[in-house]
N, C-alpha and C. Protein backbone atom coordinates (compact mmCIF):
# COMPACT_ATOMS: atom_id res chain seq x y z
N UNK A 1 -13.29 21.16 64.96
CA UNK A 1 -13.50 20.95 66.38
C UNK A 1 -14.81 20.21 66.57
N UNK A 2 -14.82 19.23 67.42
CA UNK A 2 -16.05 18.49 67.73
C UNK A 2 -16.28 18.58 69.22
N UNK A 3 -17.47 19.02 69.59
CA UNK A 3 -17.85 19.11 70.99
C UNK A 3 -19.05 18.20 71.18
N UNK A 4 -18.93 17.24 72.09
CA UNK A 4 -19.99 16.25 72.26
C UNK A 4 -20.68 16.47 73.60
N UNK A 5 -22.00 16.54 73.57
CA UNK A 5 -22.79 16.65 74.80
C UNK A 5 -23.73 15.46 74.85
N UNK A 6 -23.68 14.70 75.93
CA UNK A 6 -24.52 13.51 76.06
C UNK A 6 -25.81 13.83 76.78
N UNK A 7 -26.87 13.25 76.30
CA UNK A 7 -28.15 13.33 76.98
C UNK A 7 -28.51 11.91 77.37
N UNK A 8 -28.46 11.63 78.65
CA UNK A 8 -28.67 10.27 79.14
C UNK A 8 -30.07 9.75 78.87
N UNK A 9 -31.06 10.64 78.77
CA UNK A 9 -32.43 10.19 78.61
C UNK A 9 -32.76 9.78 77.18
N UNK A 10 -31.89 10.08 76.24
CA UNK A 10 -32.15 9.78 74.83
C UNK A 10 -31.06 8.91 74.25
N UNK A 11 -31.33 8.34 73.09
CA UNK A 11 -30.32 7.55 72.39
C UNK A 11 -29.45 8.42 71.50
N UNK A 12 -29.76 9.69 71.44
CA UNK A 12 -29.00 10.60 70.59
C UNK A 12 -28.18 11.54 71.46
N UNK A 13 -27.07 12.03 70.88
CA UNK A 13 -26.26 13.02 71.57
C UNK A 13 -26.13 14.25 70.68
N UNK A 14 -25.88 15.37 71.29
CA UNK A 14 -25.70 16.62 70.55
C UNK A 14 -24.21 16.78 70.26
N UNK A 15 -23.89 17.06 68.99
CA UNK A 15 -22.50 17.21 68.57
C UNK A 15 -22.36 18.54 67.86
N UNK A 16 -21.44 19.35 68.32
CA UNK A 16 -21.12 20.60 67.63
C UNK A 16 -19.89 20.38 66.78
N UNK A 17 -19.98 20.65 65.49
CA UNK A 17 -18.85 20.44 64.58
C UNK A 17 -18.56 21.71 63.82
N UNK A 18 -17.37 21.81 63.32
CA UNK A 18 -16.97 22.93 62.48
C UNK A 18 -16.82 22.41 61.06
N UNK A 19 -17.49 23.08 60.11
CA UNK A 19 -17.44 22.67 58.71
C UNK A 19 -17.10 23.87 57.84
N UNK A 20 -16.72 23.60 56.60
CA UNK A 20 -16.47 24.69 55.66
C UNK A 20 -17.77 25.37 55.29
N UNK A 21 -17.82 26.69 55.40
CA UNK A 21 -19.05 27.43 55.13
C UNK A 21 -19.54 27.23 53.71
N UNK A 22 -18.60 27.24 52.76
CA UNK A 22 -18.97 27.08 51.35
C UNK A 22 -19.64 25.73 51.10
N UNK A 23 -19.09 24.68 51.67
CA UNK A 23 -19.66 23.34 51.50
C UNK A 23 -21.02 23.26 52.17
N UNK A 24 -21.13 23.85 53.36
CA UNK A 24 -22.41 23.84 54.07
C UNK A 24 -23.48 24.59 53.28
N UNK A 25 -23.11 25.72 52.69
CA UNK A 25 -24.07 26.48 51.89
C UNK A 25 -24.54 25.67 50.69
N UNK A 26 -23.63 24.95 50.06
CA UNK A 26 -24.01 24.09 48.93
C UNK A 26 -24.94 22.97 49.39
N UNK A 27 -24.62 22.40 50.56
CA UNK A 27 -25.44 21.31 51.09
C UNK A 27 -26.85 21.79 51.44
N UNK A 28 -26.94 23.00 51.95
CA UNK A 28 -28.25 23.54 52.35
C UNK A 28 -29.20 23.65 51.15
N UNK A 29 -28.66 23.88 49.97
CA UNK A 29 -29.51 23.98 48.78
C UNK A 29 -30.11 22.63 48.40
N UNK A 30 -29.50 21.57 48.86
CA UNK A 30 -29.97 20.22 48.53
C UNK A 30 -30.66 19.52 49.70
N UNK A 31 -30.78 20.22 50.82
CA UNK A 31 -31.30 19.58 52.02
C UNK A 31 -32.78 19.24 51.97
N UNK A 32 -33.51 19.79 51.02
CA UNK A 32 -34.93 19.44 50.93
C UNK A 32 -35.12 17.93 50.74
N UNK A 33 -34.09 17.25 50.22
CA UNK A 33 -34.14 15.80 50.06
C UNK A 33 -34.03 15.08 51.40
N UNK A 34 -33.51 15.77 52.41
CA UNK A 34 -33.28 15.15 53.71
C UNK A 34 -34.13 15.79 54.80
N UNK A 35 -35.24 16.37 54.44
CA UNK A 35 -36.11 16.97 55.44
C UNK A 35 -35.67 18.35 55.87
N UNK A 36 -34.67 18.91 55.22
CA UNK A 36 -34.25 20.27 55.49
C UNK A 36 -33.34 20.45 56.68
N UNK A 37 -32.88 19.39 57.33
CA UNK A 37 -32.03 19.54 58.50
C UNK A 37 -30.63 19.01 58.24
N UNK A 38 -29.65 19.80 58.62
CA UNK A 38 -28.26 19.39 58.46
C UNK A 38 -27.99 18.15 59.31
N UNK A 39 -28.59 18.08 60.49
CA UNK A 39 -28.35 16.94 61.38
C UNK A 39 -28.81 15.63 60.73
N UNK A 40 -29.91 15.69 59.99
CA UNK A 40 -30.41 14.48 59.32
C UNK A 40 -29.43 14.04 58.23
N UNK A 41 -28.92 15.00 57.48
CA UNK A 41 -27.93 14.71 56.44
C UNK A 41 -26.66 14.14 57.05
N UNK A 42 -26.17 14.78 58.09
CA UNK A 42 -24.95 14.32 58.74
C UNK A 42 -25.13 12.92 59.31
N UNK A 43 -26.26 12.68 59.94
CA UNK A 43 -26.53 11.37 60.53
C UNK A 43 -26.57 10.29 59.45
N UNK A 44 -27.15 10.62 58.29
CA UNK A 44 -27.21 9.66 57.18
C UNK A 44 -25.80 9.32 56.69
N UNK A 45 -24.95 10.34 56.52
CA UNK A 45 -23.58 10.10 56.07
C UNK A 45 -22.78 9.34 57.13
N UNK A 46 -22.98 9.68 58.38
CA UNK A 46 -22.27 9.00 59.45
C UNK A 46 -22.67 7.53 59.53
N UNK A 47 -23.96 7.26 59.42
CA UNK A 47 -24.44 5.88 59.44
C UNK A 47 -23.88 5.09 58.26
N UNK A 48 -23.85 5.71 57.08
CA UNK A 48 -23.31 5.05 55.89
C UNK A 48 -21.82 4.77 56.06
N UNK A 49 -21.10 5.73 56.63
CA UNK A 49 -19.67 5.55 56.87
C UNK A 49 -19.42 4.37 57.81
N UNK A 50 -20.13 4.33 58.92
CA UNK A 50 -19.96 3.25 59.90
C UNK A 50 -20.30 1.91 59.27
N UNK A 51 -21.38 1.87 58.51
CA UNK A 51 -21.81 0.62 57.85
C UNK A 51 -20.74 0.14 56.87
N UNK A 52 -20.20 1.07 56.09
CA UNK A 52 -19.19 0.68 55.10
C UNK A 52 -17.90 0.21 55.76
N UNK A 53 -17.56 0.76 56.92
CA UNK A 53 -16.34 0.34 57.62
C UNK A 53 -16.52 -1.04 58.25
N UNK A 54 -17.75 -1.42 58.57
CA UNK A 54 -18.01 -2.71 59.19
C UNK A 54 -18.07 -3.85 58.17
N UNK A 55 -18.25 -3.52 56.90
CA UNK A 55 -18.35 -4.55 55.87
C UNK A 55 -17.01 -5.19 55.62
N UNK A 56 -17.04 -6.45 55.25
CA UNK A 56 -15.82 -7.15 54.86
C UNK A 56 -15.51 -6.81 53.41
N UNK A 57 -14.29 -7.07 53.00
CA UNK A 57 -13.85 -6.78 51.65
C UNK A 57 -14.65 -7.62 50.66
N UNK A 58 -15.22 -6.96 49.67
CA UNK A 58 -16.04 -7.66 48.67
C UNK A 58 -15.73 -7.14 47.27
N UNK A 59 -16.23 -7.84 46.29
CA UNK A 59 -16.22 -7.39 44.89
C UNK A 59 -14.87 -6.97 44.39
N UNK A 60 -14.78 -5.73 43.92
CA UNK A 60 -13.55 -5.23 43.31
C UNK A 60 -12.41 -5.19 44.30
N UNK A 61 -12.72 -5.07 45.58
CA UNK A 61 -11.66 -5.09 46.58
C UNK A 61 -10.94 -6.44 46.57
N UNK A 62 -11.69 -7.51 46.38
CA UNK A 62 -11.07 -8.84 46.31
C UNK A 62 -10.12 -8.92 45.13
N UNK A 63 -10.55 -8.33 44.01
CA UNK A 63 -9.70 -8.33 42.81
C UNK A 63 -8.42 -7.56 43.07
N UNK A 64 -8.53 -6.43 43.71
CA UNK A 64 -7.36 -5.60 43.99
C UNK A 64 -6.41 -6.34 44.92
N UNK A 65 -6.96 -6.97 45.94
CA UNK A 65 -6.13 -7.72 46.88
C UNK A 65 -5.42 -8.88 46.19
N UNK A 66 -6.13 -9.59 45.32
CA UNK A 66 -5.49 -10.72 44.63
C UNK A 66 -4.39 -10.23 43.68
N UNK A 67 -4.62 -9.10 43.01
CA UNK A 67 -3.59 -8.55 42.13
C UNK A 67 -2.39 -8.08 42.94
N UNK A 68 -2.65 -7.49 44.10
CA UNK A 68 -1.56 -7.05 44.97
C UNK A 68 -0.73 -8.23 45.44
N UNK A 69 -1.40 -9.30 45.84
CA UNK A 69 -0.68 -10.50 46.27
C UNK A 69 0.15 -11.09 45.14
N UNK A 70 -0.42 -11.07 43.92
CA UNK A 70 0.30 -11.57 42.75
C UNK A 70 1.55 -10.73 42.50
N UNK A 71 1.42 -9.42 42.61
CA UNK A 71 2.56 -8.53 42.39
C UNK A 71 3.63 -8.73 43.47
N UNK A 72 3.20 -8.96 44.71
CA UNK A 72 4.16 -9.21 45.78
C UNK A 72 4.97 -10.48 45.50
N UNK A 73 4.30 -11.51 44.98
CA UNK A 73 5.00 -12.75 44.63
C UNK A 73 6.00 -12.50 43.52
N UNK A 74 5.60 -11.70 42.52
CA UNK A 74 6.52 -11.40 41.42
C UNK A 74 7.73 -10.63 41.91
N UNK A 75 7.51 -9.68 42.82
CA UNK A 75 8.62 -8.89 43.36
C UNK A 75 9.58 -9.79 44.12
N UNK A 76 9.05 -10.70 44.92
CA UNK A 76 9.90 -11.64 45.65
C UNK A 76 10.73 -12.47 44.69
N UNK A 77 10.10 -12.92 43.60
CA UNK A 77 10.80 -13.74 42.61
C UNK A 77 11.93 -12.94 41.97
N UNK A 78 11.67 -11.70 41.60
CA UNK A 78 12.68 -10.84 40.98
C UNK A 78 13.81 -10.57 41.96
N UNK A 79 13.47 -10.32 43.22
CA UNK A 79 14.50 -10.06 44.23
C UNK A 79 15.38 -11.29 44.45
N UNK A 80 14.78 -12.48 44.45
CA UNK A 80 15.57 -13.71 44.58
C UNK A 80 16.51 -13.88 43.41
N UNK A 81 16.01 -13.60 42.20
CA UNK A 81 16.86 -13.73 41.00
C UNK A 81 18.01 -12.74 41.05
N UNK A 82 17.75 -11.52 41.55
CA UNK A 82 18.79 -10.52 41.65
C UNK A 82 19.87 -10.96 42.64
N UNK A 83 19.43 -11.50 43.76
CA UNK A 83 20.40 -11.93 44.77
C UNK A 83 21.25 -13.10 44.27
N UNK A 84 20.66 -13.98 43.46
CA UNK A 84 21.41 -15.10 42.88
C UNK A 84 22.47 -14.60 41.91
N UNK A 85 22.13 -13.56 41.12
CA UNK A 85 23.08 -13.02 40.14
C UNK A 85 24.25 -12.35 40.84
N UNK A 86 24.00 -11.73 42.00
CA UNK A 86 25.07 -11.04 42.73
C UNK A 86 26.06 -12.04 43.29
N UNK A 87 25.62 -13.24 43.60
CA UNK A 87 26.48 -14.27 44.17
C UNK A 87 27.35 -14.85 43.12
């Protein structure tokens, strides 16, 4: 569940979220790296997520896309050959 409360005077909003207790307890042991606040950790992950979604496909993704396109061409070729044999 996510409950969002807006504060017009600030650039930040308050968000209430529900998380797994076990995961949160594990995260709390490592929070000293993030200033000790769950909100700082969450904000860092959220910012990273948004940034990664805005990026265009690069590196290995290009390789995967080119291999996928190559396989699609091969499938089309095989399907054409199959249809010719049926005729």
